[in-house]
Amino acid sequence: MNNEVELGVKNDESFSDNNPLFRRVMLRRPDDFAPGERPTVSLHLLVKNGESCLGRLLMNVGSYINEIVAVLNDCTDRTIAILKEYAEFRGAEFGLVIIEVTAATHPELYMLDVPETYAIGKSLVGEVFGGPFTGEPLLADWAAIRNFGWTKCTKDWILFLDVDDVVTDPESIPGLCVALAEADVD
């Protein structure tokens, strides 16, 4: 696989090799790092019942992460068990933080799925949400739980993925972290 990637913003109208917002870099591959030199990465996940695809994600990026911070929203499947089994497989050095979010534990993050909830405000184009409505609490503030999870990540870099994501070149993760650090990107 080609190690060359392009970092930055490409503006087609004024793009040239001298554009300060764009540069081509060669990414280091995992074998290019001495023991202990590779940047550490926290995998941050927001998950609701991810049992069916969590294993695939961990097989995909697992070799390049040092910790998982999983915020679980009303999980009723084996997601927690899979995360714990994976952490045990990786050993004592591997970090695992599981944060369970439910309407009972964090009611301020939920709304009730009823017609009155959607009647607040005025539509700019006249659309009306007609349901169906469950009458159950729904997580309404994904940003708050994402941000809370970020505060629990302890590694050099945070990789934020959905549980059903697949990284096409996971071996590029350590090299991309180094390239971003060299470009003074947090």
C-alpha atoms as a PDB file:
ATOM      1  CA  MET A   1       0.000   0.000   0.000  1.00  0.00           C
ATOM      2  CA  ASN A   2       1.250   3.497  -0.863  1.00  0.00           C
ATOM      3  CA  ASN A   3       2.441   5.363   2.252  1.00  0.00           C
ATOM      4  CA  GLU A   4       1.959   8.796   0.686  1.00  0.00           C
ATOM      5  CA  VAL A   5      -1.005  10.864   1.873  1.00  0.00           C
ATOM      6  CA  GLU A   6      -2.085  14.441   1.437  1.00  0.00           C
ATOM      7  CA  LEU A   7      -2.704  16.581   4.523  1.00  0.00           C
ATOM      8  CA  GLY A   8      -4.514  19.884   4.527  1.00  0.00           C
ATOM      9  CA  VAL A   9      -7.153  21.779   2.638  1.00  0.00           C
ATOM     10  CA  LYS A  10      -7.145  21.587  -1.125  1.00  0.00           C
ATOM     11  CA  ASN A  11      -8.548  24.654  -2.859  1.00  0.00           C
ATOM     12  CA  ASP A  12      -8.844  23.703  -6.537  1.00  0.00           C
ATOM     13  CA  GLU A  13      -8.873  27.324  -7.740  1.00  0.00           C
ATOM     14  CA  SER A  14      -5.530  28.304  -6.217  1.00  0.00           C
ATOM     15  CA  PHE A  15      -3.935  24.918  -5.603  1.00  0.00           C
ATOM     16  CA  SER A  16      -0.259  24.534  -6.324  1.00  0.00           C
ATOM     17  CA  ASP A  17       2.631  22.673  -4.770  1.00  0.00           C
ATOM     18  CA  ASN A  18       3.397  25.908  -2.891  1.00  0.00           C
ATOM     19  CA  ASN A  19      -0.018  26.104  -1.221  1.00  0.00           C
ATOM     20  CA  PRO A  20       0.645  26.433   2.552  1.00  0.00           C
ATOM     21  CA  LEU A  21      -2.663  24.685   3.363  1.00  0.00           C
ATOM     22  CA  PHE A  22      -1.688  21.507   1.581  1.00  0.00           C
ATOM     23  CA  ARG A  23       1.285  19.180   1.707  1.00  0.00           C
ATOM     24  CA  ARG A  24       2.182  15.665   0.734  1.00  0.00           C
ATOM     25  CA  VAL A  25       3.755  13.470   3.418  1.00  0.00           C
ATOM     26  CA  MET A  26       5.003   9.916   3.663  1.00  0.00           C
ATOM     27  CA  LEU A  27       3.419   8.051   6.554  1.00  0.00           C
ATOM     28  CA  ARG A  28       5.508   5.781   8.697  1.00  0.00           C
ATOM     29  CA  ARG A  29       4.191   2.229   8.804  1.00  0.00           C
ATOM     30  CA  PRO A  30       3.948   0.179  12.038  1.00  0.00           C
ATOM     31  CA  ASP A  31       7.251  -1.622  11.356  1.00  0.00           C
ATOM     32  CA  ASP A  32       9.020   1.754  11.076  1.00  0.00           C
ATOM     33  CA  PHE A  33       8.620   2.399  14.822  1.00  0.00           C
ATOM     34  CA  ALA A  34      11.071   1.228  17.465  1.00  0.00           C
ATOM     35  CA  PRO A  35       9.547  -0.541  20.485  1.00  0.00           C
ATOM     36  CA  GLY A  36       7.762   2.009  22.671  1.00  0.00           C
ATOM     37  CA  GLU A  37       8.023   4.758  20.030  1.00  0.00           C
ATOM     38  CA  ARG A  38       4.580   4.352  18.440  1.00  0.00           C
ATOM     39  CA  PRO A  39       2.039   7.026  19.479  1.00  0.00           C
ATOM     40  CA  THR A  40      -0.669   5.813  21.838  1.00  0.00           C
ATOM     41  CA  VAL A  41      -4.291   5.925  20.677  1.00  0.00           C
ATOM     42  CA  SER A  42      -7.608   5.881  22.517  1.00  0.00           C
ATOM     43  CA  LEU A  43     -10.513   4.449  20.531  1.00  0.00           C
ATOM     44  CA  HIS A  44     -13.598   6.435  21.517  1.00  0.00           C
ATOM     45  CA  LEU A  45     -16.947   4.799  20.716  1.00  0.00           C
ATOM     46  CA  LEU A  46     -20.593   5.721  21.172  1.00  0.00           C
ATOM     47  CA  VAL A  47     -22.484   2.439  21.053  1.00  0.00           C
ATOM     48  CA  LYS A  48     -26.043   1.214  21.211  1.00  0.00           C
ATOM     49  CA  ASN A  49     -26.243  -2.554  20.848  1.00  0.00           C
ATOM     50  CA  GLY A  50     -23.048  -2.978  18.837  1.00  0.00           C
ATOM     51  CA  GLU A  51     -22.704  -6.737  19.309  1.00  0.00           C
ATOM     52  CA  SER A  52     -23.138  -7.537  15.616  1.00  0.00           C
ATOM     53  CA  CYS A  53     -20.225  -5.400  14.395  1.00  0.00           C
ATOM     54  CA  LEU A  54     -17.987  -4.627  17.386  1.00  0.00           C
ATOM     55  CA  GLY A  55     -15.778  -7.673  16.807  1.00  0.00           C
ATOM     56  CA  ARG A  56     -15.119  -6.621  13.203  1.00  0.00           C
ATOM     57  CA  LEU A  57     -14.099  -3.121  14.318  1.00  0.00           C
ATOM     58  CA  LEU A  58     -11.740  -4.454  16.991  1.00  0.00           C
ATOM     59  CA  MET A  59     -10.138  -6.837  14.493  1.00  0.00           C
ATOM     60  CA  ASN A  60      -9.777  -3.901  12.087  1.00  0.00           C
ATOM     61  CA  VAL A  61      -8.128  -1.274  14.325  1.00  0.00           C
ATOM     62  CA  GLY A  62      -7.331  -3.198  17.508  1.00  0.00           C
ATOM     63  CA  SER A  63      -3.617  -3.600  16.847  1.00  0.00           C
ATOM     64  CA  TYR A  64      -3.208   0.172  16.653  1.00  0.00           C
ATOM     65  CA  ILE A  65      -5.115   1.259  19.773  1.00  0.00           C
ATOM     66  CA  ASN A  66      -4.075   1.227  23.425  1.00  0.00           C
ATOM     67  CA  GLU A  67      -7.383   1.967  25.088  1.00  0.00           C
ATOM     68  CA  ILE A  68     -11.115   1.910  24.439  1.00  0.00           C
ATOM     69  CA  VAL A  69     -13.467   4.475  25.929  1.00  0.00           C
ATOM     70  CA  ALA A  70     -16.973   3.241  25.151  1.00  0.00           C
ATOM     71  CA  VAL A  71     -20.052   5.263  25.985  1.00  0.00           C
ATOM     72  CA  LEU A  72     -22.940   2.813  25.859  1.00  0.00           C
ATOM     73  CA  ASN A  73     -26.434   4.114  25.242  1.00  0.00           C
ATOM     74  CA  ASP A  74     -29.153   1.772  26.534  1.00  0.00           C
ATOM     75  CA  CYS A  75     -27.283  -1.391  25.473  1.00  0.00           C
ATOM     76  CA  THR A  76     -29.221  -4.616  25.917  1.00  0.00           C
ATOM     77  CA  ASP A  77     -26.952  -6.996  23.987  1.00  0.00           C
ATOM     78  CA  ARG A  78     -23.446  -8.461  24.583  1.00  0.00           C
ATOM     79  CA  THR A  79     -21.547  -5.243  23.815  1.00  0.00           C
ATOM     80  CA  ILE A  80     -20.135  -4.934  27.349  1.00  0.00           C
ATOM     81  CA  ALA A  81     -19.081  -8.591  27.436  1.00  0.00           C
ATOM     82  CA  ILE A  82     -17.304  -8.271  24.069  1.00  0.00           C
ATOM     83  CA  LEU A  83     -15.418  -5.158  25.221  1.00  0.00           C
ATOM     84  CA  LYS A  84     -14.335  -6.865  28.448  1.00  0.00           C
ATOM     85  CA  GLU A  85     -13.251 -10.035  26.602  1.00  0.00           C
ATOM     86  CA  TYR A  86     -11.207  -7.948  24.178  1.00  0.00           C
ATOM     87  CA  ALA A  87      -9.516  -5.979  26.977  1.00  0.00           C
ATOM     88  CA  GLU A  88      -8.675  -9.226  28.765  1.00  0.00           C
ATOM     89  CA  PHE A  89      -7.247 -10.625  25.522  1.00  0.00           C
ATOM     90  CA  ARG A  90      -5.039  -7.520  25.131  1.00  0.00           C
ATOM     91  CA  GLY A  91      -3.726  -7.768  28.689  1.00  0.00           C
ATOM     92  CA  ALA A  92      -3.131  -5.593  31.736  1.00  0.00           C
ATOM     93  CA  GLU A  93      -1.515  -2.734  29.766  1.00  0.00           C
ATOM     94  CA  PHE A  94      -4.678  -2.201  27.710  1.00  0.00           C
ATOM     95  CA  GLY A  95      -7.158   0.396  28.984  1.00  0.00           C
ATOM     96  CA  LEU A  96     -10.921  -0.026  28.976  1.00  0.00           C
ATOM     97  CA  VAL A  97     -13.428   2.537  30.195  1.00  0.00           C
ATOM     98  CA  ILE A  98     -17.121   1.684  29.908  1.00  0.00           C
ATOM     99  CA  ILE A  99     -19.640   4.428  30.590  1.00  0.00           C
ATOM    100  CA  GLU A 100     -23.268   3.322  30.628  1.00  0.00           C
ATOM    101  CA  VAL A 101     -25.796   6.019  29.820  1.00  0.00           C
ATOM    102  CA  THR A 102     -29.506   5.384  30.356  1.00  0.00           C
ATOM    103  CA  ALA A 103     -32.583   7.516  31.002  1.00  0.00           C
ATOM    104  CA  ALA A 104     -32.373   6.392  34.642  1.00  0.00           C
ATOM    105  CA  THR A 105     -28.705   7.367  35.124  1.00  0.00           C
ATOM    106  CA  HIS A 106     -28.658  10.530  32.971  1.00  0.00           C
ATOM    107  CA  PRO A 107     -32.245  11.828  32.584  1.00  0.00           C
ATOM    108  CA  GLU A 108     -30.974  15.286  31.581  1.00  0.00           C
ATOM    109  CA  LEU A 109     -29.707  13.809  28.302  1.00  0.00           C
ATOM    110  CA  TYR A 110     -33.043  12.297  27.272  1.00  0.00           C
ATOM    111  CA  MET A 111     -36.322  13.480  25.809  1.00  0.00           C
ATOM    112  CA  LEU A 112     -39.665  11.746  25.749  1.00  0.00           C
ATOM    113  CA  ASP A 113     -40.668  10.490  22.293  1.00  0.00           C
ATOM    114  CA  VAL A 114     -44.161  11.995  22.207  1.00  0.00           C
ATOM    115  CA  PRO A 115     -45.806  14.461  19.762  1.00  0.00           C
ATOM    116  CA  GLU A 116     -45.505  17.352  22.232  1.00  0.00           C
ATOM    117  CA  THR A 117     -41.707  17.068  22.225  1.00  0.00           C
ATOM    118  CA  TYR A 118     -41.593  17.745  18.489  1.00  0.00           C
ATOM    119  CA  ALA A 119     -44.134  20.580  18.620  1.00  0.00           C
ATOM    120  CA  ILE A 120     -41.592  22.963  20.166  1.00  0.00           C
ATOM    121  CA  GLY A 121     -40.498  25.774  17.876  1.00  0.00           C
ATOM    122  CA  LYS A 122     -41.729  26.642  14.411  1.00  0.00           C
ATOM    123  CA  SER A 123     -40.802  24.925  11.173  1.00  0.00           C
ATOM    124  CA  LEU A 124     -39.181  27.174   8.589  1.00  0.00           C
ATOM    125  CA  VAL A 125     -40.618  25.194   5.685  1.00  0.00           C
ATOM    126  CA  GLY A 126     -43.857  23.890   7.186  1.00  0.00           C
ATOM    127  CA  GLU A 127     -42.940  20.249   7.728  1.00  0.00           C
ATOM    128  CA  VAL A 128     -44.579  18.397  10.603  1.00  0.00           C
ATOM    129  CA  PHE A 129     -43.165  15.256  12.201  1.00  0.00           C
ATOM    130  CA  GLY A 130     -46.083  12.869  12.486  1.00  0.00           C
ATOM    131  CA  GLY A 131     -44.441   9.930  14.204  1.00  0.00           C
ATOM    132  CA  PRO A 132     -44.578   7.117  14.871  1.00  0.00           C
ATOM    133  CA  PHE A 133     -43.947   7.921  18.524  1.00  0.00           C
ATOM    134  CA  THR A 134     -42.817   5.334  21.055  1.00  0.00           C
ATOM    135  CA  GLY A 135     -43.658   7.189  24.250  1.00  0.00           C
ATOM    136  CA  GLU A 136     -40.216   6.073  25.501  1.00  0.00           C
ATOM    137  CA  PRO A 137     -37.211   8.191  26.489  1.00  0.00           C
ATOM    138  CA  LEU A 138     -34.738   8.796  23.637  1.00  0.00           C
ATOM    139  CA  LEU A 139     -31.172  10.020  23.949  1.00  0.00           C
ATOM    140  CA  ALA A 140     -31.321  13.626  22.777  1.00  0.00           C
ATOM    141  CA  ASP A 141     -27.831  14.952  23.554  1.00  0.00           C
ATOM    142  CA  TRP A 142     -25.254  12.864  21.696  1.00  0.00           C
ATOM    143  CA  ALA A 143     -22.745  15.718  21.828  1.00  0.00           C
ATOM    144  CA  ALA A 144     -22.767  15.717  25.625  1.00  0.00           C
ATOM    145  CA  ILE A 145     -21.988  12.011  25.901  1.00  0.00           C
ATOM    146  CA  ARG A 146     -19.344  12.254  23.180  1.00  0.00           C
ATOM    147  CA  ASN A 147     -17.653  15.134  24.992  1.00  0.00           C
ATOM    148  CA  PHE A 148     -17.869  13.314  28.322  1.00  0.00           C
ATOM    149  CA  GLY A 149     -16.212  10.276  26.754  1.00  0.00           C
ATOM    150  CA  TRP A 150     -13.409  12.462  25.376  1.00  0.00           C
ATOM    151  CA  THR A 151     -12.584  13.578  28.917  1.00  0.00           C
ATOM    152  CA  LYS A 152     -11.959   9.923  29.854  1.00  0.00           C
ATOM    153  CA  CYS A 153      -9.483   9.245  27.019  1.00  0.00           C
ATOM    154  CA  THR A 154      -5.913   9.126  28.368  1.00  0.00           C
ATOM    155  CA  LYS A 155      -3.720   8.381  25.337  1.00  0.00           C
ATOM    156  CA  ASP A 156      -1.810  10.727  23.009  1.00  0.00           C
ATOM    157  CA  TRP A 157      -4.455  10.619  20.277  1.00  0.00           C
ATOM    158  CA  ILE A 158      -8.197   9.956  20.115  1.00  0.00           C
ATOM    159  CA  LEU A 159      -9.692   7.936  17.267  1.00  0.00           C
ATOM    160  CA  PHE A 160     -13.451   8.535  17.270  1.00  0.00           C
ATOM    161  CA  LEU A 161     -15.346   5.890  15.306  1.00  0.00           C
ATOM    162  CA  ASP A 162     -18.825   4.456  15.039  1.00  0.00           C
ATOM    163  CA  VAL A 163     -18.983   0.803  15.995  1.00  0.00           C
ATOM    164  CA  ASP A 164     -19.906  -0.169  12.415  1.00  0.00           C
ATOM    165  CA  ASP A 165     -16.986   1.718  10.830  1.00  0.00           C
ATOM    166  CA  VAL A 166     -14.159   0.019   8.951  1.00  0.00           C
ATOM    167  CA  VAL A 167     -10.820   1.789   8.505  1.00  0.00           C
ATOM    168  CA  THR A 168      -9.529   0.941   5.025  1.00  0.00           C
ATOM    169  CA  ASP A 169      -5.858   1.282   5.989  1.00  0.00           C
ATOM    170  CA  PRO A 170      -5.596   0.787   9.760  1.00  0.00           C
ATOM    171  CA  GLU A 171      -1.811   0.426   9.519  1.00  0.00           C
ATOM    172  CA  SER A 172      -1.701   4.146   8.695  1.00  0.00           C
ATOM    173  CA  ILE A 173      -3.052   5.135  12.142  1.00  0.00           C
ATOM    174  CA  PRO A 174       0.351   5.433  13.928  1.00  0.00           C
ATOM    175  CA  GLY A 175       1.977   7.208  10.985  1.00  0.00           C
ATOM    176  CA  LEU A 176      -0.942   9.602  10.632  1.00  0.00           C
ATOM    177  CA  CYS A 177      -0.644  10.496  14.329  1.00  0.00           C
ATOM    178  CA  VAL A 178       3.048  11.300  13.838  1.00  0.00           C
ATOM    179  CA  ALA A 179       2.389  13.333  10.671  1.00  0.00           C
ATOM    180  CA  LEU A 180      -0.319  15.336  12.432  1.00  0.00           C
ATOM    181  CA  ALA A 181       1.926  15.941  15.445  1.00  0.00           C
ATOM    182  CA  GLU A 182       4.730  17.140  13.166  1.00  0.00           C
ATOM    183  CA  ALA A 183       2.236  19.559  11.595  1.00  0.00           C
ATOM    184  CA  ASP A 184       1.315  20.856  15.107  1.00  0.00           C
ATOM    185  CA  VAL A 185      -2.222  19.467  14.935  1.00  0.00           C
ATOM    186  CA  ASP A 186      -3.766  18.496  18.269  1.00  0.00           C
END
